[in-house]
């Protein structure tokens, strides 16, 4: 059975990047777990947010931050 990403919005497409164990933290340290795609969307929406990568995927936090930086420059 497909498990929906906890940080996905109602109209978001299903996840394409596997596990939902990346952590997004906003400026007030409120957090949400999710997949890489949805954590990236949260980082773009909340520019003062930060990400904690998956413990099962070393380097995932840096990969997500780089993708967010690239997406911001291409806006």
PDB file of N, CA and C in Angstrom:
ATOM      1  N   UNK A   1       0.840  -1.190   0.000  1.00  0.00           N
ATOM      2  CA  UNK A   1       0.000   0.000   0.000  1.00  0.00           C
ATOM      3  C   UNK A   1       0.878   1.244   0.000  1.00  0.00           C
ATOM      4  N   UNK A   2       0.514   2.212  -0.804  1.00  0.00           N
ATOM      5  CA  UNK A   2       1.247   3.466  -0.914  1.00  0.00           C
ATOM      6  C   UNK A   2       0.967   4.336   0.301  1.00  0.00           C
ATOM      7  N   UNK A   3       2.029   4.840   0.918  1.00  0.00           N
ATOM      8  CA  UNK A   3       1.880   5.743   2.057  1.00  0.00           C
ATOM      9  C   UNK A   3       2.124   7.172   1.592  1.00  0.00           C
ATOM     10  N   UNK A   4       1.164   8.038   1.825  1.00  0.00           N
ATOM     11  CA  UNK A   4       1.260   9.431   1.406  1.00  0.00           C
ATOM     12  C   UNK A   4       2.308  10.160   2.243  1.00  0.00           C
ATOM     13  N   UNK A   5       3.028  11.048   1.591  1.00  0.00           N
ATOM     14  CA  UNK A   5       4.051  11.845   2.272  1.00  0.00           C
ATOM     15  C   UNK A   5       3.373  12.763   3.291  1.00  0.00           C
ATOM     16  N   UNK A   6       3.855  12.784   4.530  1.00  0.00           N
ATOM     17  CA  UNK A   6       3.226  13.617   5.554  1.00  0.00           C
ATOM     18  C   UNK A   6       3.313  15.121   5.295  1.00  0.00           C
ATOM     19  N   UNK A   7       4.256  15.568   4.483  1.00  0.00           N
ATOM     20  CA  UNK A   7       4.358  17.003   4.216  1.00  0.00           C
ATOM     21  C   UNK A   7       3.782  17.393   2.858  1.00  0.00           C
ATOM     22  N   UNK A   8       3.081  16.485   2.214  1.00  0.00           N
ATOM     23  CA  UNK A   8       2.461  16.782   0.915  1.00  0.00           C
ATOM     24  C   UNK A   8       1.184  17.587   1.114  1.00  0.00           C
ATOM     25  N   UNK A   9       0.909  18.468   0.144  1.00  0.00           N
ATOM     26  CA  UNK A   9      -0.361  19.185   0.148  1.00  0.00           C
ATOM     27  C   UNK A   9      -1.416  18.310  -0.531  1.00  0.00           C
ATOM     28  N   UNK A  10      -2.653  18.695  -0.398  1.00  0.00           N
ATOM     29  CA  UNK A  10      -3.766  17.911  -0.926  1.00  0.00           C
ATOM     30  C   UNK A  10      -3.616  17.635  -2.419  1.00  0.00           C
ATOM     31  N   UNK A  11      -3.218  18.634  -3.193  1.00  0.00           N
ATOM     32  CA  UNK A  11      -3.168  18.486  -4.645  1.00  0.00           C
ATOM     33  C   UNK A  11      -1.791  18.098  -5.183  1.00  0.00           C
ATOM     34  N   UNK A  12      -0.854  17.713  -4.305  1.00  0.00           N
ATOM     35  CA  UNK A  12       0.483  17.307  -4.751  1.00  0.00           C
ATOM     36  C   UNK A  12       0.466  15.933  -5.404  1.00  0.00           C
ATOM     37  N   UNK A  13       1.394  15.770  -6.328  1.00  0.00           N
ATOM     38  CA  UNK A  13       1.601  14.476  -6.971  1.00  0.00           C
ATOM     39  C   UNK A  13       2.204  13.503  -5.953  1.00  0.00           C
ATOM     40  N   UNK A  14       2.069  12.202  -6.200  1.00  0.00           N
ATOM     41  CA  UNK A  14       2.715  11.223  -5.312  1.00  0.00           C
ATOM     42  C   UNK A  14       4.235  11.404  -5.311  1.00  0.00           C
ATOM     43  N   UNK A  15       4.858  10.969  -4.260  1.00  0.00           N
ATOM     44  CA  UNK A  15       6.310  11.092  -4.110  1.00  0.00           C
ATOM     45  C   UNK A  15       7.038  10.228  -5.120  1.00  0.00           C
ATOM     46  N   UNK A  16       8.160  10.758  -5.586  1.00  0.00           N
ATOM     47  CA  UNK A  16       8.996   9.970  -6.480  1.00  0.00           C
ATOM     48  C   UNK A  16      10.356   9.687  -5.855  1.00  0.00           C
ATOM     49  N   UNK A  17      10.561  10.180  -4.642  1.00  0.00           N
ATOM     50  CA  UNK A  17      11.895  10.061  -4.048  1.00  0.00           C
ATOM     51  C   UNK A  17      11.916   9.237  -2.765  1.00  0.00           C
ATOM     52  N   UNK A  18      11.137   8.201  -2.718  1.00  0.00           N
ATOM     53  CA  UNK A  18      11.293   7.194  -1.676  1.00  0.00           C
ATOM     54  C   UNK A  18      10.835   7.547  -0.288  1.00  0.00           C
ATOM     55  N   UNK A  19      11.725   7.339   0.662  1.00  0.00           N
ATOM     56  CA  UNK A  19      11.379   7.380   2.077  1.00  0.00           C
ATOM     57  C   UNK A  19      10.985   8.780   2.546  1.00  0.00           C
ATOM     58  N   UNK A  20      10.214   8.817   3.619  1.00  0.00           N
ATOM     59  CA  UNK A  20       9.692  10.074   4.174  1.00  0.00           C
ATOM     60  C   UNK A  20      10.390  10.406   5.488  1.00  0.00           C
ATOM     61  N   UNK A  21      11.695  10.277   5.533  1.00  0.00           N
ATOM     62  CA  UNK A  21      12.369  10.509   6.812  1.00  0.00           C
ATOM     63  C   UNK A  21      13.344  11.689   6.789  1.00  0.00           C
ATOM     64  N   UNK A  22      13.134  12.627   5.877  1.00  0.00           N
ATOM     65  CA  UNK A  22      13.861  13.893   5.908  1.00  0.00           C
ATOM     66  C   UNK A  22      13.049  14.846   6.783  1.00  0.00           C
ATOM     67  N   UNK A  23      13.730  15.712   7.515  1.00  0.00           N
ATOM     68  CA  UNK A  23      13.042  16.606   8.445  1.00  0.00           C
ATOM     69  C   UNK A  23      13.228  18.057   8.024  1.00  0.00           C
ATOM     70  N   UNK A  24      12.118  18.787   7.884  1.00  0.00           N
ATOM     71  CA  UNK A  24      12.128  20.221   7.628  1.00  0.00           C
ATOM     72  C   UNK A  24      11.840  20.933   8.935  1.00  0.00           C
ATOM     73  N   UNK A  25      12.624  21.973   9.231  1.00  0.00           N
ATOM     74  CA  UNK A  25      12.392  22.807  10.412  1.00  0.00           C
ATOM     75  C   UNK A  25      12.255  24.252   9.952  1.00  0.00           C
ATOM     76  N   UNK A  26      11.196  24.926  10.427  1.00  0.00           N
ATOM     77  CA  UNK A  26      11.035  26.335  10.061  1.00  0.00           C
ATOM     78  C   UNK A  26      11.793  27.209  11.058  1.00  0.00           C
ATOM     79  N   UNK A  27      11.642  28.513  10.945  1.00  0.00           N
ATOM     80  CA  UNK A  27      12.383  29.452  11.797  1.00  0.00           C
ATOM     81  C   UNK A  27      12.041  29.300  13.281  1.00  0.00           C
ATOM     82  N   UNK A  28      10.857  28.770  13.583  1.00  0.00           N
ATOM     83  CA  UNK A  28      10.446  28.568  14.981  1.00  0.00           C
ATOM     84  C   UNK A  28      10.664  27.142  15.450  1.00  0.00           C
ATOM     85  N   UNK A  29      11.392  26.343  14.682  1.00  0.00           N
ATOM     86  CA  UNK A  29      11.680  24.937  14.979  1.00  0.00           C
ATOM     87  C   UNK A  29      10.462  24.028  14.924  1.00  0.00           C
ATOM     88  N   UNK A  30       9.416  24.462  14.246  1.00  0.00           N
ATOM     89  CA  UNK A  30       8.292  23.555  13.983  1.00  0.00           C
ATOM     90  C   UNK A  30       8.748  22.643  12.854  1.00  0.00           C
ATOM     91  N   UNK A  31       8.475  21.364  12.968  1.00  0.00           N
ATOM     92  CA  UNK A  31       9.020  20.416  12.007  1.00  0.00           C
ATOM     93  C   UNK A  31       7.984  19.611  11.271  1.00  0.00           C
ATOM     94  N   UNK A  32       8.425  19.062  10.149  1.00  0.00           N
ATOM     95  CA  UNK A  32       7.593  18.160   9.348  1.00  0.00           C
ATOM     96  C   UNK A  32       8.510  17.167   8.650  1.00  0.00           C
ATOM     97  N   UNK A  33       8.150  15.905   8.713  1.00  0.00           N
ATOM     98  CA  UNK A  33       8.890  14.877   7.986  1.00  0.00           C
ATOM     99  C   UNK A  33       8.320  14.757   6.589  1.00  0.00           C
ATOM    100  N   UNK A  34       9.155  14.339   5.646  1.00  0.00           N
ATOM    101  CA  UNK A  34       8.674  14.151   4.286  1.00  0.00           C
ATOM    102  C   UNK A  34       9.745  13.611   3.365  1.00  0.00           C
ATOM    103  N   UNK A  35       9.373  13.450   2.108  1.00  0.00           N
ATOM    104  CA  UNK A  35      10.304  12.986   1.078  1.00  0.00           C
ATOM    105  C   UNK A  35      11.117  14.178   0.566  1.00  0.00           C
ATOM    106  N   UNK A  36      12.112  13.900  -0.250  1.00  0.00           N
ATOM    107  CA  UNK A  36      12.963  14.975  -0.771  1.00  0.00           C
ATOM    108  C   UNK A  36      12.154  16.010  -1.549  1.00  0.00           C
ATOM    109  N   UNK A  37      11.234  15.557  -2.398  1.00  0.00           N
ATOM    110  CA  UNK A  37      10.457  16.485  -3.227  1.00  0.00           C
ATOM    111  C   UNK A  37       9.650  17.465  -2.385  1.00  0.00           C
ATOM    112  N   UNK A  38       8.964  16.957  -1.372  1.00  0.00           N
ATOM    113  CA  UNK A  38       8.096  17.824  -0.572  1.00  0.00           C
ATOM    114  C   UNK A  38       8.878  18.672   0.421  1.00  0.00           C
ATOM    115  N   UNK A  39       9.998  18.173   0.913  1.00  0.00           N
ATOM    116  CA  UNK A  39      10.854  19.003   1.766  1.00  0.00           C
ATOM    117  C   UNK A  39      11.430  20.153   0.947  1.00  0.00           C
ATOM    118  N   UNK A  40      11.790  19.875  -0.297  1.00  0.00           N
ATOM    119  CA  UNK A  40      12.265  20.931  -1.194  1.00  0.00           C
ATOM    120  C   UNK A  40      11.195  22.010  -1.368  1.00  0.00           C
ATOM    121  N   UNK A  41       9.952  21.608  -1.570  1.00  0.00           N
ATOM    122  CA  UNK A  41       8.859  22.587  -1.710  1.00  0.00           C
ATOM    123  C   UNK A  41       8.710  23.431  -0.444  1.00  0.00           C
ATOM    124  N   UNK A  42       8.846  22.803   0.717  1.00  0.00           N
ATOM    125  CA  UNK A  42       8.754  23.558   1.967  1.00  0.00           C
ATOM    126  C   UNK A  42       9.905  24.558   2.091  1.00  0.00           C
ATOM    127  N   UNK A  43      11.104  24.155   1.698  1.00  0.00           N
ATOM    128  CA  UNK A  43      12.249  25.075   1.755  1.00  0.00           C
ATOM    129  C   UNK A  43      12.045  26.271   0.840  1.00  0.00           C
ATOM    130  N   UNK A  44      11.422  26.056  -0.303  1.00  0.00           N
ATOM    131  CA  UNK A  44      11.166  27.170  -1.216  1.00  0.00           C
ATOM    132  C   UNK A  44      10.092  28.097  -0.669  1.00  0.00           C
ATOM    133  N   UNK A  45       9.129  27.546   0.027  1.00  0.00           N
ATOM    134  CA  UNK A  45       8.040  28.356   0.579  1.00  0.00           C
ATOM    135  C   UNK A  45       8.479  29.106   1.835  1.00  0.00           C
ATOM    136  N   UNK A  46       9.345  28.498   2.634  1.00  0.00           N
ATOM    137  CA  UNK A  46       9.806  29.106   3.889  1.00  0.00           C
ATOM    138  C   UNK A  46      11.329  29.286   3.805  1.00  0.00           C
ATOM    139  N   UNK A  47      11.804  30.424   3.303  1.00  0.00           N
ATOM    140  CA  UNK A  47      13.235  30.601   3.037  1.00  0.00           C
ATOM    141  C   UNK A  47      14.138  30.528   4.268  1.00  0.00           C
ATOM    142  N   UNK A  48      13.600  30.744   5.450  1.00  0.00           N
ATOM    143  CA  UNK A  48      14.434  30.646   6.663  1.00  0.00           C
ATOM    144  C   UNK A  48      14.424  29.245   7.255  1.00  0.00           C
ATOM    145  N   UNK A  49      13.815  28.309   6.543  1.00  0.00           N
ATOM    146  CA  UNK A  49      13.774  26.927   7.010  1.00  0.00           C
ATOM    147  C   UNK A  49      15.092  26.214   6.795  1.00  0.00           C
ATOM    148  N   UNK A  50      15.191  25.052   7.386  1.00  0.00           N
ATOM    149  CA  UNK A  50      16.385  24.223   7.206  1.00  0.00           C
ATOM    150  C   UNK A  50      15.972  22.766   7.160  1.00  0.00           C
ATOM    151  N   UNK A  51      16.892  21.932   6.755  1.00  0.00           N
ATOM    152  CA  UNK A  51      16.572  20.526   6.553  1.00  0.00           C
ATOM    153  C   UNK A  51      17.581  19.653   7.289  1.00  0.00           C
ATOM    154  N   UNK A  52      17.074  18.551   7.830  1.00  0.00           N
ATOM    155  CA  UNK A  52      17.916  17.513   8.414  1.00  0.00           C
ATOM    156  C   UNK A  52      17.749  16.303   7.513  1.00  0.00           C
ATOM    157  N   UNK A  53      18.838  15.864   6.940  1.00  0.00           N
ATOM    158  CA  UNK A  53      18.787  14.754   5.990  1.00  0.00           C
ATOM    159  C   UNK A  53      18.415  13.438   6.646  1.00  0.00           C
ATOM    160  N   UNK A  54      18.084  12.502   5.820  1.00  0.00           N
ATOM    161  CA  UNK A  54      17.716  11.165   6.265  1.00  0.00           C
ATOM    162  C   UNK A  54      18.922  10.454   6.873  1.00  0.00           C
ATOM    163  N   UNK A  55      18.728   9.774   7.990  1.00  0.00           N
ATOM    164  CA  UNK A  55      19.846   9.012   8.558  1.00  0.00           C
ATOM    165  C   UNK A  55      20.223   7.810   7.688  1.00  0.00           C
ATOM    166  N   UNK A  56      19.344   7.422   6.786  1.00  0.00           N
ATOM    167  CA  UNK A  56      19.593   6.275   5.916  1.00  0.00           C
ATOM    168  C   UNK A  56      20.190   6.681   4.573  1.00  0.00           C
ATOM    169  N   UNK A  57      20.364   7.977   4.365  1.00  0.00           N
ATOM    170  CA  UNK A  57      20.856   8.496   3.081  1.00  0.00           C
ATOM    171  C   UNK A  57      21.840   9.635   3.342  1.00  0.00           C
ATOM    172  N   UNK A  58      23.089   9.305   3.672  1.00  0.00           N
ATOM    173  CA  UNK A  58      24.070  10.345   3.965  1.00  0.00           C
ATOM    174  C   UNK A  58      24.200  11.331   2.803  1.00  0.00           C
ATOM    175  N   UNK A  59      24.234  12.608   3.131  1.00  0.00           N
ATOM    176  CA  UNK A  59      24.366  13.642   2.120  1.00  0.00           C
ATOM    177  C   UNK A  59      23.046  14.149   1.561  1.00  0.00           C
ATOM    178  N   UNK A  60      21.940  13.564   2.005  1.00  0.00           N
ATOM    179  CA  UNK A  60      20.641  13.961   1.459  1.00  0.00           C
ATOM    180  C   UNK A  60      20.265  15.385   1.849  1.00  0.00           C
ATOM    181  N   UNK A  61      20.640  15.809   3.042  1.00  0.00           N
ATOM    182  CA  UNK A  61      20.335  17.176   3.465  1.00  0.00           C
ATOM    183  C   UNK A  61      21.020  18.203   2.575  1.00  0.00           C
ATOM    184  N   UNK A  62      22.295  17.972   2.263  1.00  0.00           N
ATOM    185  CA  UNK A  62      23.041  18.868   1.380  1.00  0.00           C
ATOM    186  C   UNK A  62      22.433  18.850  -0.023  1.00  0.00           C
ATOM    187  N   UNK A  63      22.059  17.669  -0.499  1.00  0.00           N
ATOM    188  CA  UNK A  63      21.458  17.545  -1.828  1.00  0.00           C
ATOM    189  C   UNK A  63      20.162  18.356  -1.932  1.00  0.00           C
ATOM    190  N   UNK A  64      19.343  18.304  -0.889  1.00  0.00           N
ATOM    191  CA  UNK A  64      18.075  19.045  -0.881  1.00  0.00           C
ATOM    192  C   UNK A  64      18.347  20.551  -0.828  1.00  0.00           C
ATOM    193  N   UNK A  65      19.291  20.979   0.008  1.00  0.00           N
ATOM    194  CA  UNK A  65      19.627  22.402   0.096  1.00  0.00           C
ATOM    195  C   UNK A  65      20.173  22.939  -1.226  1.00  0.00           C
ATOM    196  N   UNK A  66      21.009  22.158  -1.903  1.00  0.00           N
ATOM    197  CA  UNK A  66      21.540  22.579  -3.205  1.00  0.00           C
ATOM    198  C   UNK A  66      20.417  22.702  -4.234  1.00  0.00           C
ATOM    199  N   UNK A  67      19.486  21.755  -4.220  1.00  0.00           N
ATOM    200  CA  UNK A  67      18.360  21.811  -5.157  1.00  0.00           C
ATOM    201  C   UNK A  67      17.501  23.045  -4.887  1.00  0.00           C
ATOM    202  N   UNK A  68      17.292  23.387  -3.609  1.00  0.00           N
ATOM    203  CA  UNK A  68      16.513  24.575  -3.258  1.00  0.00           C
ATOM    204  C   UNK A  68      17.225  25.848  -3.722  1.00  0.00           C
ATOM    205  N   UNK A  69      18.539  25.894  -3.542  1.00  0.00           N
ATOM    206  CA  UNK A  69      19.328  27.047  -3.967  1.00  0.00           C
ATOM    207  C   UNK A  69      19.234  27.227  -5.482  1.00  0.00           C
ATOM    208  N   UNK A  70      19.366  26.144  -6.216  1.00  0.00           N
ATOM    209  CA  UNK A  70      19.262  26.200  -7.680  1.00  0.00           C
ATOM    210  C   UNK A  70      17.869  26.660  -8.115  1.00  0.00           C
ATOM    211  N   UNK A  71      16.840  26.138  -7.467  1.00  0.00           N
ATOM    212  CA  UNK A  71      15.469  26.511  -7.815  1.00  0.00           C
ATOM    213  C   UNK A  71      15.207  27.989  -7.530  1.00  0.00           C
ATOM    214  N   UNK A  72      15.759  28.511  -6.448  1.00  0.00           N
ATOM    215  CA  UNK A  72      15.582  29.939  -6.126  1.00  0.00           C
ATOM    216  C   UNK A  72      16.249  30.821  -7.174  1.00  0.00           C
ATOM    217  N   UNK A  73      17.449  30.418  -7.634  1.00  0.00           N
ATOM    218  CA  UNK A  73      18.157  31.204  -8.652  1.00  0.00           C
ATOM    219  C   UNK A  73      17.434  31.177  -9.996  1.00  0.00           C
ATOM    220  N   UNK A  74      16.725  30.106 -10.274  1.00  0.00           N
ATOM    221  CA  UNK A  74      16.063  29.957 -11.568  1.00  0.00           C
ATOM    222  C   UNK A  74      14.649  30.530 -11.597  1.00  0.00           C
ATOM    223  N   UNK A  75      14.224  31.171 -10.552  1.00  0.00           N
ATOM    224  CA  UNK A  75      12.878  31.749 -10.508  1.00  0.00           C
ATOM    225  C   UNK A  75      12.792  32.967 -11.380  1.00  0.00           C
TER     226      UNK A  75
END
